[in-house]
């Protein structure tokens, strides 16, 4: 089995047939790949659709479970996967027809551990929004610590890289960031392919809109702790390159904390809590690095909040002056 595709599903009946059709209209023999579809307690017609397709495609593996959340659904898929390579697909998205053959040929020919795949973003009505930036280029192969990263779904992994890792259900936003970062740290050969592949649907009510919640905040902290614990266990004396790699992932989570969990309501309690946590993890230097973007993040909340107030006031003054200038021009 060359490839396993893991597909978690929850109440996406209106998208599911398009998604499934895209997977089965491929230039790869159905004996060479499997689609593991996990119905995570959907209350709409998703299970009936899956059963219909299961009767037509021997490489479709349907798992029906009580609702346990996106992470648990993906973990069931990881347990069942048999392919040499592994990738993920969201049930409101789709992949380009007749693309898997070319992708697998490149991965196998170049003995790749990770292959980043091209992503295009659409709205819910199928209208083109944007092309996502490439992650590397077709002609370059680099070790995991050197190659740029992007979290799934448009990523092909050598499955053995993910062994021992799970999607952490405590991390609402970013559990894929952790899995991707840990897996790539094991990789020796990473590359990118520019053929059209992943069609991402930007949904108004998607889970990514939940970044401001209490659960998201604690999930961001858990992400930092998971990355930090792995680095200390596997690379206790990291090279400068390895240290830079793991620090970059921690900064992703810290940026989310500042932008989504501290700044909107200017939360002093969270500001002080995150300083305490970073100190306990010996990551104070991260706060210093981030203070270049978020002034006084490594200082007191009074200094931090005062500077943010100043920035808001400065922006208001600029907009007032700009509008005033436009009025004078009209006269």
C-alpha atoms as a PDB file:
ATOM      1  CA  UNK A   1       0.000   0.000   0.000  1.00  0.00           C
ATOM      2  CA  UNK A   2       1.587   3.241  -1.144  1.00  0.00           C
ATOM      3  CA  UNK A   3      -0.680   5.853   0.433  1.00  0.00           C
ATOM      4  CA  UNK A   4      -3.202   6.328   3.236  1.00  0.00           C
ATOM      5  CA  UNK A   5      -5.496   9.367   3.218  1.00  0.00           C
ATOM      6  CA  UNK A   6      -7.104  10.200   6.573  1.00  0.00           C
ATOM      7  CA  UNK A   7     -10.466  11.972   6.330  1.00  0.00           C
ATOM      8  CA  UNK A   8     -12.268  13.081   9.540  1.00  0.00           C
ATOM      9  CA  UNK A   9     -15.948  13.918   8.968  1.00  0.00           C
ATOM     10  CA  UNK A  10     -18.494  15.795  11.047  1.00  0.00           C
ATOM     11  CA  UNK A  11     -21.736  17.210   9.622  1.00  0.00           C
ATOM     12  CA  UNK A  12     -20.381  18.161   6.195  1.00  0.00           C
ATOM     13  CA  UNK A  13     -23.072  16.479   4.117  1.00  0.00           C
ATOM     14  CA  UNK A  14     -23.239  19.309   1.572  1.00  0.00           C
ATOM     15  CA  UNK A  15     -19.499  18.982   0.797  1.00  0.00           C
ATOM     16  CA  UNK A  16     -18.852  15.283   1.253  1.00  0.00           C
ATOM     17  CA  UNK A  17     -19.741  13.910  -2.190  1.00  0.00           C
ATOM     18  CA  UNK A  18     -17.491  16.463  -3.890  1.00  0.00           C
ATOM     19  CA  UNK A  19     -14.696  15.506  -1.500  1.00  0.00           C
ATOM     20  CA  UNK A  20     -15.108  11.764  -2.068  1.00  0.00           C
ATOM     21  CA  UNK A  21     -15.404  12.116  -5.837  1.00  0.00           C
ATOM     22  CA  UNK A  22     -12.138  14.050  -5.907  1.00  0.00           C
ATOM     23  CA  UNK A  23     -10.354  11.225  -4.065  1.00  0.00           C
ATOM     24  CA  UNK A  24     -11.658   8.459  -6.318  1.00  0.00           C
ATOM     25  CA  UNK A  25     -11.125  10.275  -9.639  1.00  0.00           C
ATOM     26  CA  UNK A  26      -7.377   9.700  -9.597  1.00  0.00           C
ATOM     27  CA  UNK A  27      -4.524   8.428 -11.766  1.00  0.00           C
ATOM     28  CA  UNK A  28      -3.437   6.002  -9.052  1.00  0.00           C
ATOM     29  CA  UNK A  29      -4.743   2.455  -8.847  1.00  0.00           C
ATOM     30  CA  UNK A  30      -7.199   1.899  -6.010  1.00  0.00           C
ATOM     31  CA  UNK A  31      -5.018  -1.026  -4.921  1.00  0.00           C
ATOM     32  CA  UNK A  32      -2.222   1.469  -4.222  1.00  0.00           C
ATOM     33  CA  UNK A  33      -4.058   3.797  -1.858  1.00  0.00           C
ATOM     34  CA  UNK A  34      -6.743   3.806   0.812  1.00  0.00           C
ATOM     35  CA  UNK A  35      -9.133   6.435   2.093  1.00  0.00           C
ATOM     36  CA  UNK A  36      -9.801   6.104   5.818  1.00  0.00           C
ATOM     37  CA  UNK A  37     -13.011   8.038   6.507  1.00  0.00           C
ATOM     38  CA  UNK A  38     -13.890   8.577  10.163  1.00  0.00           C
ATOM     39  CA  UNK A  39     -17.476   9.634  10.724  1.00  0.00           C
ATOM     40  CA  UNK A  40     -17.221  11.452  14.045  1.00  0.00           C
ATOM     41  CA  UNK A  41     -20.838  11.154  15.176  1.00  0.00           C
ATOM     42  CA  UNK A  42     -22.364  13.197  12.342  1.00  0.00           C
ATOM     43  CA  UNK A  43     -26.066  13.908  12.800  1.00  0.00           C
ATOM     44  CA  UNK A  44     -26.724  14.667   9.115  1.00  0.00           C
ATOM     45  CA  UNK A  45     -26.518  12.327   6.123  1.00  0.00           C
ATOM     46  CA  UNK A  46     -22.751  11.800   6.081  1.00  0.00           C
ATOM     47  CA  UNK A  47     -22.811   8.163   7.189  1.00  0.00           C
ATOM     48  CA  UNK A  48     -25.345   7.194   4.514  1.00  0.00           C
ATOM     49  CA  UNK A  49     -23.161   8.831   1.847  1.00  0.00           C
ATOM     50  CA  UNK A  50     -20.115   6.955   3.131  1.00  0.00           C
ATOM     51  CA  UNK A  51     -21.924   3.624   3.085  1.00  0.00           C
ATOM     52  CA  UNK A  52     -22.971   4.226  -0.513  1.00  0.00           C
ATOM     53  CA  UNK A  53     -19.412   4.981  -1.620  1.00  0.00           C
ATOM     54  CA  UNK A  54     -18.060   2.066   0.439  1.00  0.00           C
ATOM     55  CA  UNK A  55     -20.134  -0.318  -1.686  1.00  0.00           C
ATOM     56  CA  UNK A  56     -18.426   1.009  -4.820  1.00  0.00           C
ATOM     57  CA  UNK A  57     -14.818   1.433  -3.695  1.00  0.00           C
ATOM     58  CA  UNK A  58     -12.852  -1.360  -2.016  1.00  0.00           C
ATOM     59  CA  UNK A  59     -10.176   1.073  -0.880  1.00  0.00           C
ATOM     60  CA  UNK A  60     -12.605   3.082   1.250  1.00  0.00           C
ATOM     61  CA  UNK A  61     -12.392   2.233   4.960  1.00  0.00           C
ATOM     62  CA  UNK A  62     -15.335   3.657   6.925  1.00  0.00           C
ATOM     63  CA  UNK A  63     -15.081   4.084  10.687  1.00  0.00           C
ATOM     64  CA  UNK A  64     -18.204   5.215  12.532  1.00  0.00           C
ATOM     65  CA  UNK A  65     -17.715   6.516  16.062  1.00  0.00           C
ATOM     66  CA  UNK A  66     -19.467   8.613  18.686  1.00  0.00           C
ATOM     67  CA  UNK A  67     -18.548  12.273  18.502  1.00  0.00           C
ATOM     68  CA  UNK A  68     -15.112  12.646  20.083  1.00  0.00           C
ATOM     69  CA  UNK A  69     -13.715  15.639  18.236  1.00  0.00           C
ATOM     70  CA  UNK A  70     -11.472  16.271  15.275  1.00  0.00           C
ATOM     71  CA  UNK A  71      -8.234  15.186  16.973  1.00  0.00           C
ATOM     72  CA  UNK A  72      -9.606  11.848  18.133  1.00  0.00           C
ATOM     73  CA  UNK A  73     -11.001  11.170  14.652  1.00  0.00           C
ATOM     74  CA  UNK A  74      -7.602  11.776  13.085  1.00  0.00           C
ATOM     75  CA  UNK A  75      -5.957   9.590  15.703  1.00  0.00           C
ATOM     76  CA  UNK A  76      -8.262   6.711  14.721  1.00  0.00           C
ATOM     77  CA  UNK A  77      -7.120   7.252  11.151  1.00  0.00           C
ATOM     78  CA  UNK A  78      -3.465   7.169  12.186  1.00  0.00           C
ATOM     79  CA  UNK A  79      -4.068   3.852  13.961  1.00  0.00           C
ATOM     80  CA  UNK A  80      -5.626   2.273  10.874  1.00  0.00           C
ATOM     81  CA  UNK A  81      -3.278   3.669   8.214  1.00  0.00           C
ATOM     82  CA  UNK A  82      -1.216   1.078   6.308  1.00  0.00           C
ATOM     83  CA  UNK A  83       0.394   3.145   3.559  1.00  0.00           C
ATOM     84  CA  UNK A  84       4.079   3.910   3.208  1.00  0.00           C
ATOM     85  CA  UNK A  85       2.994   7.522   2.907  1.00  0.00           C
ATOM     86  CA  UNK A  86       0.271   9.385   4.754  1.00  0.00           C
ATOM     87  CA  UNK A  87      -1.711  12.543   4.107  1.00  0.00           C
ATOM     88  CA  UNK A  88      -4.834  14.247   5.433  1.00  0.00           C
ATOM     89  CA  UNK A  89      -7.937  15.731   3.896  1.00  0.00           C
ATOM     90  CA  UNK A  90     -10.773  17.749   5.437  1.00  0.00           C
ATOM     91  CA  UNK A  91     -14.263  16.734   4.367  1.00  0.00           C
ATOM     92  CA  UNK A  92     -15.283  20.237   3.250  1.00  0.00           C
ATOM     93  CA  UNK A  93     -12.234  20.391   0.962  1.00  0.00           C
ATOM     94  CA  UNK A  94     -11.260  18.482  -2.193  1.00  0.00           C
ATOM     95  CA  UNK A  95      -8.202  17.490  -4.195  1.00  0.00           C
ATOM     96  CA  UNK A  96      -7.555  17.897  -7.882  1.00  0.00           C
ATOM     97  CA  UNK A  97      -8.583  14.975 -10.069  1.00  0.00           C
ATOM     98  CA  UNK A  98      -5.712  12.890 -11.481  1.00  0.00           C
ATOM     99  CA  UNK A  99      -3.035  14.369  -9.218  1.00  0.00           C
ATOM    100  CA  UNK A 100      -2.062  11.569  -6.818  1.00  0.00           C
ATOM    101  CA  UNK A 101      -0.120   9.570  -9.409  1.00  0.00           C
ATOM    102  CA  UNK A 102       2.297  12.416 -10.123  1.00  0.00           C
ATOM    103  CA  UNK A 103       2.683  13.228  -6.435  1.00  0.00           C
ATOM    104  CA  UNK A 104       3.437   9.640  -5.443  1.00  0.00           C
ATOM    105  CA  UNK A 105       5.856   9.207  -8.346  1.00  0.00           C
ATOM    106  CA  UNK A 106       7.904  12.173  -7.153  1.00  0.00           C
ATOM    107  CA  UNK A 107       7.872  11.038  -3.509  1.00  0.00           C
ATOM    108  CA  UNK A 108       9.022   7.538  -4.426  1.00  0.00           C
ATOM    109  CA  UNK A 109      11.562   8.500  -7.098  1.00  0.00           C
ATOM    110  CA  UNK A 110      13.285  11.035  -4.837  1.00  0.00           C
ATOM    111  CA  UNK A 111      12.879   8.932  -1.669  1.00  0.00           C
ATOM    112  CA  UNK A 112      11.229  11.827   0.151  1.00  0.00           C
ATOM    113  CA  UNK A 113      10.216  11.908   3.799  1.00  0.00           C
ATOM    114  CA  UNK A 114       7.946  14.934   3.449  1.00  0.00           C
ATOM    115  CA  UNK A 115       6.467  16.455   0.305  1.00  0.00           C
ATOM    116  CA  UNK A 116       4.600  19.740   0.591  1.00  0.00           C
ATOM    117  CA  UNK A 117       1.694  20.071  -1.818  1.00  0.00           C
ATOM    118  CA  UNK A 118       0.182  23.052  -3.585  1.00  0.00           C
ATOM    119  CA  UNK A 119      -2.877  24.683  -1.973  1.00  0.00           C
ATOM    120  CA  UNK A 120      -5.532  26.936  -3.480  1.00  0.00           C
ATOM    121  CA  UNK A 121      -8.194  28.658  -1.406  1.00  0.00           C
ATOM    122  CA  UNK A 122     -11.875  29.027  -2.368  1.00  0.00           C
ATOM    123  CA  UNK A 123     -14.965  30.444  -0.682  1.00  0.00           C
ATOM    124  CA  UNK A 124     -17.991  28.323   0.220  1.00  0.00           C
ATOM    125  CA  UNK A 125     -19.510  28.917  -3.213  1.00  0.00           C
ATOM    126  CA  UNK A 126     -16.434  27.637  -5.027  1.00  0.00           C
ATOM    127  CA  UNK A 127     -15.105  31.060  -6.009  1.00  0.00           C
ATOM    128  CA  UNK A 128     -11.315  31.392  -6.187  1.00  0.00           C
ATOM    129  CA  UNK A 129      -9.813  33.432  -3.343  1.00  0.00           C
ATOM    130  CA  UNK A 130      -6.058  32.996  -3.457  1.00  0.00           C
ATOM    131  CA  UNK A 131      -3.104  30.759  -4.161  1.00  0.00           C
ATOM    132  CA  UNK A 132      -1.285  29.803  -0.975  1.00  0.00           C
ATOM    133  CA  UNK A 133       2.486  30.500  -1.000  1.00  0.00           C
ATOM    134  CA  UNK A 134       4.700  27.558  -2.019  1.00  0.00           C
ATOM    135  CA  UNK A 135       6.722  25.816   0.676  1.00  0.00           C
ATOM    136  CA  UNK A 136      10.088  25.294  -0.968  1.00  0.00           C
ATOM    137  CA  UNK A 137      10.466  24.484  -4.648  1.00  0.00           C
ATOM    138  CA  UNK A 138      10.267  21.445  -6.935  1.00  0.00           C
ATOM    139  CA  UNK A 139      14.002  21.151  -7.507  1.00  0.00           C
ATOM    140  CA  UNK A 140      15.261  21.429  -3.932  1.00  0.00           C
ATOM    141  CA  UNK A 141      15.525  18.695  -1.309  1.00  0.00           C
ATOM    142  CA  UNK A 142      16.508  19.685   2.225  1.00  0.00           C
ATOM    143  CA  UNK A 143      16.724  18.071   5.666  1.00  0.00           C
ATOM    144  CA  UNK A 144      13.781  18.681   7.995  1.00  0.00           C
ATOM    145  CA  UNK A 145      15.580  21.202  10.170  1.00  0.00           C
ATOM    146  CA  UNK A 146      16.413  23.297   7.083  1.00  0.00           C
ATOM    147  CA  UNK A 147      13.268  23.033   4.951  1.00  0.00           C
ATOM    148  CA  UNK A 148      10.450  25.543   5.563  1.00  0.00           C
ATOM    149  CA  UNK A 149       7.321  24.162   7.231  1.00  0.00           C
ATOM    150  CA  UNK A 150       3.592  24.450   6.756  1.00  0.00           C
ATOM    151  CA  UNK A 151       1.007  22.534   8.746  1.00  0.00           C
ATOM    152  CA  UNK A 152      -1.238  20.008   7.029  1.00  0.00           C
ATOM    153  CA  UNK A 153      -3.561  19.159   5.299  1.00  0.00           C
ATOM    154  CA  UNK A 154      -1.639  19.598   2.035  1.00  0.00           C
ATOM    155  CA  UNK A 155       1.366  17.596   3.182  1.00  0.00           C
ATOM    156  CA  UNK A 156       2.566  14.109   2.316  1.00  0.00           C
ATOM    157  CA  UNK A 157       4.415  12.333   5.150  1.00  0.00           C
ATOM    158  CA  UNK A 158       6.408   9.142   5.192  1.00  0.00           C
ATOM    159  CA  UNK A 159       4.166   7.420   7.706  1.00  0.00           C
ATOM    160  CA  UNK A 160       6.958   6.158   9.948  1.00  0.00           C
ATOM    161  CA  UNK A 161       7.828   9.803  10.732  1.00  0.00           C
ATOM    162  CA  UNK A 162       4.497  10.193  12.547  1.00  0.00           C
ATOM    163  CA  UNK A 163       4.767   6.992  14.597  1.00  0.00           C
ATOM    164  CA  UNK A 164       4.360   7.662  18.300  1.00  0.00           C
ATOM    165  CA  UNK A 165       2.714  11.041  17.723  1.00  0.00           C
ATOM    166  CA  UNK A 166      -0.955  11.884  18.161  1.00  0.00           C
ATOM    167  CA  UNK A 167      -3.190  14.871  17.641  1.00  0.00           C
ATOM    168  CA  UNK A 168      -3.566  16.394  21.112  1.00  0.00           C
ATOM    169  CA  UNK A 169      -7.277  16.929  21.812  1.00  0.00           C
ATOM    170  CA  UNK A 170      -6.439  19.609  24.390  1.00  0.00           C
ATOM    171  CA  UNK A 171      -5.112  21.832  21.603  1.00  0.00           C
ATOM    172  CA  UNK A 172      -8.118  23.290  19.767  1.00  0.00           C
ATOM    173  CA  UNK A 173      -6.079  25.269  17.233  1.00  0.00           C
ATOM    174  CA  UNK A 174      -2.596  24.103  16.371  1.00  0.00           C
ATOM    175  CA  UNK A 175      -2.485  20.398  17.172  1.00  0.00           C
ATOM    176  CA  UNK A 176      -1.531  19.880  13.510  1.00  0.00           C
ATOM    177  CA  UNK A 177       1.288  22.402  14.013  1.00  0.00           C
ATOM    178  CA  UNK A 178       2.758  20.198  16.727  1.00  0.00           C
ATOM    179  CA  UNK A 179       2.459  16.963  14.725  1.00  0.00           C
ATOM    180  CA  UNK A 180       3.976  18.562  11.647  1.00  0.00           C
ATOM    181  CA  UNK A 181       6.892  20.100  13.562  1.00  0.00           C
ATOM    182  CA  UNK A 182       7.732  16.905  15.418  1.00  0.00           C
ATOM    183  CA  UNK A 183       7.458  14.768  12.282  1.00  0.00           C
ATOM    184  CA  UNK A 184       9.610  17.085  10.181  1.00  0.00           C
ATOM    185  CA  UNK A 185      12.296  17.095  12.863  1.00  0.00           C
ATOM    186  CA  UNK A 186      12.746  13.387  12.012  1.00  0.00           C
ATOM    187  CA  UNK A 187      12.888  13.982   8.255  1.00  0.00           C
ATOM    188  CA  UNK A 188      16.040  13.822   6.131  1.00  0.00           C
ATOM    189  CA  UNK A 189      14.559  14.669   2.722  1.00  0.00           C
ATOM    190  CA  UNK A 190      11.838  17.309   2.286  1.00  0.00           C
ATOM    191  CA  UNK A 191      10.628  18.979  -0.891  1.00  0.00           C
ATOM    192  CA  UNK A 192       7.667  20.645  -2.649  1.00  0.00           C
ATOM    193  CA  UNK A 193       5.641  19.930  -5.793  1.00  0.00           C
ATOM    194  CA  UNK A 194       3.861  22.681  -7.682  1.00  0.00           C
ATOM    195  CA  UNK A 195       1.194  20.739  -9.573  1.00  0.00           C
ATOM    196  CA  UNK A 196      -2.366  21.805  -8.568  1.00  0.00           C
ATOM    197  CA  UNK A 197      -3.536  19.595  -5.698  1.00  0.00           C
ATOM    198  CA  UNK A 198      -5.432  20.816  -2.618  1.00  0.00           C
ATOM    199  CA  UNK A 199      -8.645  22.871  -2.876  1.00  0.00           C
ATOM    200  CA  UNK A 200      -9.197  24.478   0.528  1.00  0.00           C
ATOM    201  CA  UNK A 201     -12.659  25.812   1.422  1.00  0.00           C
ATOM    202  CA  UNK A 202     -12.649  28.934   3.585  1.00  0.00           C
ATOM    203  CA  UNK A 203     -15.795  28.450   5.670  1.00  0.00           C
ATOM    204  CA  UNK A 204     -17.248  31.298   7.732  1.00  0.00           C
ATOM    205  CA  UNK A 205     -18.123  29.029  10.666  1.00  0.00           C
ATOM    206  CA  UNK A 206     -15.013  26.854  10.608  1.00  0.00           C
ATOM    207  CA  UNK A 207     -13.126  25.877  13.771  1.00  0.00           C
ATOM    208  CA  UNK A 208     -10.417  28.439  12.987  1.00  0.00           C
ATOM    209  CA  UNK A 209     -12.859  31.171  14.052  1.00  0.00           C
ATOM    210  CA  UNK A 210     -12.649  29.917  17.660  1.00  0.00           C
ATOM    211  CA  UNK A 211      -9.227  31.374  18.342  1.00  0.00           C
ATOM    212  CA  UNK A 212     -10.474  33.839  20.944  1.00  0.00           C
ATOM    213  CA  UNK A 213     -11.920  31.224  23.317  1.00  0.00           C
ATOM    214  CA  UNK A 214     -10.652  30.111  26.719  1.00  0.00           C
ATOM    215  CA  UNK A 215     -10.086  26.611  25.372  1.00  0.00           C
ATOM    216  CA  UNK A 216      -7.926  27.951  22.553  1.00  0.00           C
ATOM    217  CA  UNK A 217      -5.788  29.916  25.007  1.00  0.00           C
ATOM    218  CA  UNK A 218      -5.001  26.870  27.130  1.00  0.00           C
ATOM    219  CA  UNK A 219      -4.443  24.876  23.958  1.00  0.00           C
ATOM    220  CA  UNK A 220      -1.792  27.346  22.808  1.00  0.00           C
ATOM    221  CA  UNK A 221      -0.015  26.895  26.137  1.00  0.00           C
ATOM    222  CA  UNK A 222      -0.215  23.104  25.772  1.00  0.00           C
ATOM    223  CA  UNK A 223       1.301  23.399  22.297  1.00  0.00           C
ATOM    224  CA  UNK A 224       4.286  25.282  23.713  1.00  0.00           C
ATOM    225  CA  UNK A 225       4.761  22.706  26.456  1.00  0.00           C
ATOM    226  CA  UNK A 226       4.540  19.774  24.029  1.00  0.00           C
ATOM    227  CA  UNK A 227       7.156  21.236  21.691  1.00  0.00           C
ATOM    228  CA  UNK A 228       9.435  22.167  24.572  1.00  0.00           C
ATOM    229  CA  UNK A 229       9.163  18.700  26.170  1.00  0.00           C
ATOM    230  CA  UNK A 230       9.934  16.918  22.889  1.00  0.00           C
ATOM    231  CA  UNK A 231      12.942  19.099  22.199  1.00  0.00           C
ATOM    232  CA  UNK A 232      14.367  18.512  25.682  1.00  0.00           C
ATOM    233  CA  UNK A 233      13.839  14.754  25.405  1.00  0.00           C
ATOM    234  CA  UNK A 234      15.113  14.179  21.863  1.00  0.00           C
ATOM    235  CA  UNK A 235      17.520  17.103  21.426  1.00  0.00           C
ATOM    236  CA  UNK A 236      18.635  18.059  24.965  1.00  0.00           C
ATOM    237  CA  UNK A 237      21.733  19.755  23.562  1.00  0.00           C
ATOM    238  CA  UNK A 238      20.377  21.214  20.320  1.00  0.00           C
ATOM    239  CA  UNK A 239      22.563  22.627  17.599  1.00  0.00           C
ATOM    240  CA  UNK A 240      21.898  26.295  16.751  1.00  0.00           C
ATOM    241  CA  UNK A 241      19.882  25.117  13.749  1.00  0.00           C
ATOM    242  CA  UNK A 242      17.751  22.760  15.828  1.00  0.00           C
ATOM    243  CA  UNK A 243      17.201  25.412  18.489  1.00  0.00           C
ATOM    244  CA  UNK A 244      16.080  27.908  15.850  1.00  0.00           C
ATOM    245  CA  UNK A 245      13.671  25.315  14.431  1.00  0.00           C
ATOM    246  CA  UNK A 246      11.902  24.574  17.719  1.00  0.00           C
ATOM    247  CA  UNK A 247      11.931  28.222  18.821  1.00  0.00           C
ATOM    248  CA  UNK A 248      10.117  29.172  15.615  1.00  0.00           C
ATOM    249  CA  UNK A 249       7.266  26.791  16.455  1.00  0.00           C
ATOM    250  CA  UNK A 250       6.990  28.111  20.010  1.00  0.00           C
ATOM    251  CA  UNK A 251       6.873  31.656  18.643  1.00  0.00           C
ATOM    252  CA  UNK A 252       3.897  30.651  16.469  1.00  0.00           C
ATOM    253  CA  UNK A 253       1.937  29.667  19.572  1.00  0.00           C
ATOM    254  CA  UNK A 254       3.127  32.688  21.537  1.00  0.00           C
ATOM    255  CA  UNK A 255       2.030  35.012  18.738  1.00  0.00           C
ATOM    256  CA  UNK A 256      -1.433  33.458  18.830  1.00  0.00           C
ATOM    257  CA  UNK A 257      -1.583  33.966  22.588  1.00  0.00           C
ATOM    258  CA  UNK A 258      -0.666  37.645  22.309  1.00  0.00           C
ATOM    259  CA  UNK A 259      -2.891  38.443  19.331  1.00  0.00           C
ATOM    260  CA  UNK A 260      -5.914  36.328  20.256  1.00  0.00           C
ATOM    261  CA  UNK A 261      -5.814  35.922  24.034  1.00  0.00           C
ATOM    262  CA  UNK A 262      -4.141  39.019  25.472  1.00  0.00           C
ATOM    263  CA  UNK A 263      -4.510  42.028  23.177  1.00  0.00           C
ATOM    264  CA  UNK A 264      -8.275  41.944  22.338  1.00  0.00           C
ATOM    265  CA  UNK A 265      -9.321  42.489  25.985  1.00  0.00           C
ATOM    266  CA  UNK A 266      -5.922  43.534  27.302  1.00  0.00           C
ATOM    267  CA  UNK A 267      -5.824  40.637  29.766  1.00  0.00           C
ATOM    268  CA  UNK A 268      -3.350  41.360  32.536  1.00  0.00           C
ATOM    269  CA  UNK A 269      -3.902  37.942  34.135  1.00  0.00           C
ATOM    270  CA  UNK A 270      -2.918  36.130  30.938  1.00  0.00           C
ATOM    271  CA  UNK A 271       0.022  38.453  30.308  1.00  0.00           C
ATOM    272  CA  UNK A 272       1.432  37.653  33.738  1.00  0.00           C
ATOM    273  CA  UNK A 273       0.556  33.956  33.515  1.00  0.00           C
ATOM    274  CA  UNK A 274       2.374  33.486  30.244  1.00  0.00           C
ATOM    275  CA  UNK A 275       5.456  35.244  31.637  1.00  0.00           C
ATOM    276  CA  UNK A 276       5.447  32.824  34.570  1.00  0.00           C
ATOM    277  CA  UNK A 277       5.035  29.805  32.276  1.00  0.00           C
ATOM    278  CA  UNK A 278       7.815  30.870  29.927  1.00  0.00           C
ATOM    279  CA  UNK A 279      10.134  31.446  32.872  1.00  0.00           C
ATOM    280  CA  UNK A 280       9.357  27.986  34.284  1.00  0.00           C
ATOM    281  CA  UNK A 281      10.243  26.452  30.897  1.00  0.00           C
ATOM    282  CA  UNK A 282      13.479  28.482  30.634  1.00  0.00           C
ATOM    283  CA  UNK A 283      12.063  30.235  27.571  1.00  0.00           C
ATOM    284  CA  UNK A 284      12.362  33.834  28.752  1.00  0.00           C
ATOM    285  CA  UNK A 285      14.561  34.601  25.765  1.00  0.00           C
ATOM    286  CA  UNK A 286      11.526  33.960  23.520  1.00  0.00           C
ATOM    287  CA  UNK A 287       9.752  36.901  25.182  1.00  0.00           C
ATOM    288  CA  UNK A 288      12.800  39.061  24.506  1.00  0.00           C
ATOM    289  CA  UNK A 289      12.846  38.065  20.840  1.00  0.00           C
ATOM    290  CA  UNK A 290       9.125  38.727  20.498  1.00  0.00           C
ATOM    291  CA  UNK A 291       9.453  42.120  22.153  1.00  0.00           C
ATOM    292  CA  UNK A 292      10.786  43.408  18.855  1.00  0.00           C
ATOM    293  CA  UNK A 293       7.262  42.994  17.481  1.00  0.00           C
ATOM    294  CA  UNK A 294       5.236  43.262  20.712  1.00  0.00           C
ATOM    295  CA  UNK A 295       6.966  46.018  22.636  1.00  0.00           C
ATOM    296  CA  UNK A 296       7.541  45.336  26.367  1.00  0.00           C
ATOM    297  CA  UNK A 297       6.261  41.753  26.202  1.00  0.00           C
ATOM    298  CA  UNK A 298       9.242  40.854  28.379  1.00  0.00           C
ATOM    299  CA  UNK A 299       8.571  43.737  30.781  1.00  0.00           C
ATOM    300  CA  UNK A 300       5.634  44.806  32.968  1.00  0.00           C
ATOM    301  CA  UNK A 301       1.997  44.753  31.940  1.00  0.00           C
ATOM    302  CA  UNK A 302       1.834  48.488  32.637  1.00  0.00           C
ATOM    303  CA  UNK A 303       4.547  49.186  30.071  1.00  0.00           C
ATOM    304  CA  UNK A 304       3.038  46.718  27.592  1.00  0.00           C
ATOM    305  CA  UNK A 305      -0.530  48.045  27.843  1.00  0.00           C
ATOM    306  CA  UNK A 306       0.598  51.696  27.830  1.00  0.00           C
ATOM    307  CA  UNK A 307       2.475  51.151  24.592  1.00  0.00           C
ATOM    308  CA  UNK A 308      -0.514  49.420  23.011  1.00  0.00           C
ATOM    309  CA  UNK A 309      -2.715  52.351  24.040  1.00  0.00           C
ATOM    310  CA  UNK A 310      -0.208  54.691  22.447  1.00  0.00           C
ATOM    311  CA  UNK A 311      -0.324  52.700  19.184  1.00  0.00           C
ATOM    312  CA  UNK A 312      -4.141  52.890  19.108  1.00  0.00           C
ATOM    313  CA  UNK A 313      -4.031  56.645  19.764  1.00  0.00           C
ATOM    314  CA  UNK A 314      -1.369  57.096  17.085  1.00  0.00           C
ATOM    315  CA  UNK A 315      -3.514  55.220  14.554  1.00  0.00           C
ATOM    316  CA  UNK A 316      -6.550  57.365  15.382  1.00  0.00           C
ATOM    317  CA  UNK A 317      -4.540  60.558  14.937  1.00  0.00           C
ATOM    318  CA  UNK A 318      -3.237  59.330  11.601  1.00  0.00           C
ATOM    319  CA  UNK A 319      -6.730  58.447  10.345  1.00  0.00           C
ATOM    320  CA  UNK A 320      -8.082  61.822  11.500  1.00  0.00           C
ATOM    321  CA  UNK A 321      -5.298  63.698   9.724  1.00  0.00           C
ATOM    322  CA  UNK A 322      -5.706  61.558   6.603  1.00  0.00           C
ATOM    323  CA  UNK A 323      -9.458  62.167   6.420  1.00  0.00           C
ATOM    324  CA  UNK A 324      -8.976  65.872   7.067  1.00  0.00           C
ATOM    325  CA  UNK A 325      -6.495  66.076   4.221  1.00  0.00           C
ATOM    326  CA  UNK A 326      -8.964  64.354   1.875  1.00  0.00           C
ATOM    327  CA  UNK A 327     -11.684  66.882   2.783  1.00  0.00           C
ATOM    328  CA  UNK A 328      -9.428  69.837   2.001  1.00  0.00           C
ATOM    329  CA  UNK A 329      -8.508  68.301  -1.356  1.00  0.00           C
ATOM    330  CA  UNK A 330     -12.185  67.971  -2.277  1.00  0.00           C
ATOM    331  CA  UNK A 331     -12.732  71.691  -1.522  1.00  0.00           C
END
